[in-house]
C-alpha atoms as a PDB file:
ATOM      1  CA  MET A   1       4.300  23.327 -81.882  1.00  0.00           C
ATOM      2  CA  PRO A   2       3.281  22.559 -78.293  1.00  0.00           C
ATOM      3  CA  LYS A   3       5.695  22.872 -75.413  1.00  0.00           C
ATOM      4  CA  VAL A   4       5.972  19.426 -73.839  1.00  0.00           C
ATOM      5  CA  GLU A   5       8.034  18.790 -70.716  1.00  0.00           C
ATOM      6  CA  ILE A   6       8.545  15.542 -68.879  1.00  0.00           C
ATOM      7  CA  TYR A   7      10.320  14.948 -65.571  1.00  0.00           C
ATOM      8  CA  THR A   8      11.912  11.507 -65.403  1.00  0.00           C
ATOM      9  CA  THR A   9      14.403   9.349 -63.599  1.00  0.00           C
ATOM     10  CA  SER A  10      16.767   6.784 -65.053  1.00  0.00           C
ATOM     11  CA  LEU A  11      15.512   3.210 -64.931  1.00  0.00           C
ATOM     12  CA  CYS A  12      11.828   4.224 -64.722  1.00  0.00           C
ATOM     13  CA  GLY A  13       9.588   2.019 -66.817  1.00  0.00           C
ATOM     14  CA  PHE A  14       6.670   4.450 -66.553  1.00  0.00           C
ATOM     15  CA  CYS A  15       8.926   7.202 -67.870  1.00  0.00           C
ATOM     16  CA  VAL A  16       9.917   5.044 -70.842  1.00  0.00           C
ATOM     17  CA  ARG A  17       6.244   4.362 -71.522  1.00  0.00           C
ATOM     18  CA  ALA A  18       5.309   8.063 -71.447  1.00  0.00           C
ATOM     19  CA  LYS A  19       8.209   9.014 -73.727  1.00  0.00           C
ATOM     20  CA  LYS A  20       7.233   6.241 -76.157  1.00  0.00           C
ATOM     21  CA  ILE A  21       3.673   7.647 -76.430  1.00  0.00           C
ATOM     22  CA  LEU A  22       5.063  11.087 -77.246  1.00  0.00           C
ATOM     23  CA  LYS A  23       7.667   9.723 -79.667  1.00  0.00           C
ATOM     24  CA  ASN A  24       5.030   7.677 -81.493  1.00  0.00           C
ATOM     25  CA  LYS A  25       3.188  10.955 -82.111  1.00  0.00           C
ATOM     26  CA  ASN A  26       6.412  12.592 -83.344  1.00  0.00           C
ATOM     27  CA  ILE A  27       6.238  15.114 -80.521  1.00  0.00           C
ATOM     28  CA  SER A  28       9.519  16.586 -79.319  1.00  0.00           C
ATOM     29  CA  PHE A  29       9.799  17.211 -75.631  1.00  0.00           C
ATOM     30  CA  LEU A  30      12.109  18.623 -73.012  1.00  0.00           C
ATOM     31  CA  GLU A  31      13.206  15.955 -70.566  1.00  0.00           C
ATOM     32  CA  TYR A  32      14.379  16.784 -67.079  1.00  0.00           C
ATOM     33  CA  ASP A  33      16.149  13.881 -65.370  1.00  0.00           C
ATOM     34  CA  VAL A  34      15.616  14.337 -61.630  1.00  0.00           C
ATOM     35  CA  THR A  35      17.615  11.257 -60.631  1.00  0.00           C
ATOM     36  CA  SER A  36      20.427  13.176 -58.987  1.00  0.00           C
ATOM     37  CA  ASN A  37      19.335  16.782 -59.586  1.00  0.00           C
ATOM     38  CA  GLU A  38      17.773  18.001 -56.348  1.00  0.00           C
ATOM     39  CA  LYS A  39      16.959  21.453 -57.717  1.00  0.00           C
ATOM     40  CA  CYS A  40      15.124  19.953 -60.691  1.00  0.00           C
ATOM     41  CA  ARG A  41      13.272  17.486 -58.422  1.00  0.00           C
ATOM     42  CA  ASP A  42      12.188  20.353 -56.162  1.00  0.00           C
ATOM     43  CA  GLU A  43      10.908  22.233 -59.210  1.00  0.00           C
ATOM     44  CA  MET A  44       8.955  19.163 -60.322  1.00  0.00           C
ATOM     45  CA  ILE A  45       7.361  18.760 -56.884  1.00  0.00           C
ATOM     46  CA  GLU A  46       6.453  22.460 -56.800  1.00  0.00           C
ATOM     47  CA  ARG A  47       4.900  22.341 -60.286  1.00  0.00           C
ATOM     48  CA  ALA A  48       3.206  18.943 -60.063  1.00  0.00           C
ATOM     49  CA  GLY A  49       2.523  18.582 -56.357  1.00  0.00           C
ATOM     50  CA  SER A  50       3.966  15.096 -56.530  1.00  0.00           C
ATOM     51  CA  HIS A  51       7.331  13.396 -56.121  1.00  0.00           C
ATOM     52  CA  TYR A  52       6.451  10.521 -58.449  1.00  0.00           C
ATOM     53  CA  VAL A  53       7.783  10.312 -61.998  1.00  0.00           C
ATOM     54  CA  PRO A  54       7.071  10.861 -64.700  1.00  0.00           C
ATOM     55  CA  GLN A  55       5.357  14.221 -64.464  1.00  0.00           C
ATOM     56  CA  ILE A  56       4.204  15.581 -67.778  1.00  0.00           C
ATOM     57  CA  PHE A  57       3.292  19.132 -68.805  1.00  0.00           C
ATOM     58  CA  ILE A  58       1.851  20.305 -72.128  1.00  0.00           C
ATOM     59  CA  ASN A  59       1.964  24.084 -72.659  1.00  0.00           C
ATOM     60  CA  ASP A  60       2.506  24.442 -68.911  1.00  0.00           C
ATOM     61  CA  GLU A  61      -0.662  22.425 -68.119  1.00  0.00           C
ATOM     62  CA  HIS A  62       0.020  19.553 -65.738  1.00  0.00           C
ATOM     63  CA  ILE A  63      -1.114  16.331 -67.400  1.00  0.00           C
ATOM     64  CA  GLY A  64       0.026  13.973 -64.658  1.00  0.00           C
ATOM     65  CA  GLY A  65       1.915  10.741 -64.997  1.00  0.00           C
ATOM     66  CA  SER A  66       2.244   7.930 -67.502  1.00  0.00           C
ATOM     67  CA  ASP A  67      -1.245   6.481 -66.847  1.00  0.00           C
ATOM     68  CA  ASP A  68      -2.772   9.914 -67.231  1.00  0.00           C
ATOM     69  CA  LEU A  69      -0.994  10.491 -70.516  1.00  0.00           C
ATOM     70  CA  ALA A  70      -2.096   7.057 -71.808  1.00  0.00           C
ATOM     71  CA  ALA A  71      -5.697   7.755 -70.805  1.00  0.00           C
ATOM     72  CA  ILE A  72      -5.890  11.072 -72.641  1.00  0.00           C
ATOM     73  CA  GLU A  73      -4.137   9.504 -75.621  1.00  0.00           C
ATOM     74  CA  LYS A  74      -6.722   6.711 -75.740  1.00  0.00           C
ATOM     75  CA  SER A  75      -9.648   9.176 -75.426  1.00  0.00           C
ATOM     76  CA  GLY A  76      -8.296  11.421 -78.222  1.00  0.00           C
ATOM     77  CA  VAL A  77      -7.807  14.414 -75.920  1.00  0.00           C
ATOM     78  CA  LEU A  78      -4.021  14.261 -76.298  1.00  0.00           C
ATOM     79  CA  ASP A  79      -4.267  15.123 -80.009  1.00  0.00           C
ATOM     80  CA  THR A  80      -6.350  18.172 -79.132  1.00  0.00           C
ATOM     81  CA  LYS A  81      -3.873  19.316 -76.477  1.00  0.00           C
ATOM     82  CA  LEU A  82      -0.978  18.829 -78.881  1.00  0.00           C
ATOM     83  CA  GLY A  83      -2.747  20.871 -81.563  1.00  0.00           C
END
């Protein structure tokens, strides 16, 4: 099973969209809410190079945000990355 991680904030529509894509594929994921967790937000910025959410990683590979996840899902690449 792939290791999927997603950094989110509460009340983020793009985060909801990204999680829905993963849930529709029955993929479990680790969610890190950076809303009020400065340490976690700093980790996200270090790993992703961005302060925007969501930030998605599959097997430690940075996928990007919600639009990036949707694009690789549409192209079929997501299924390959998920195994």
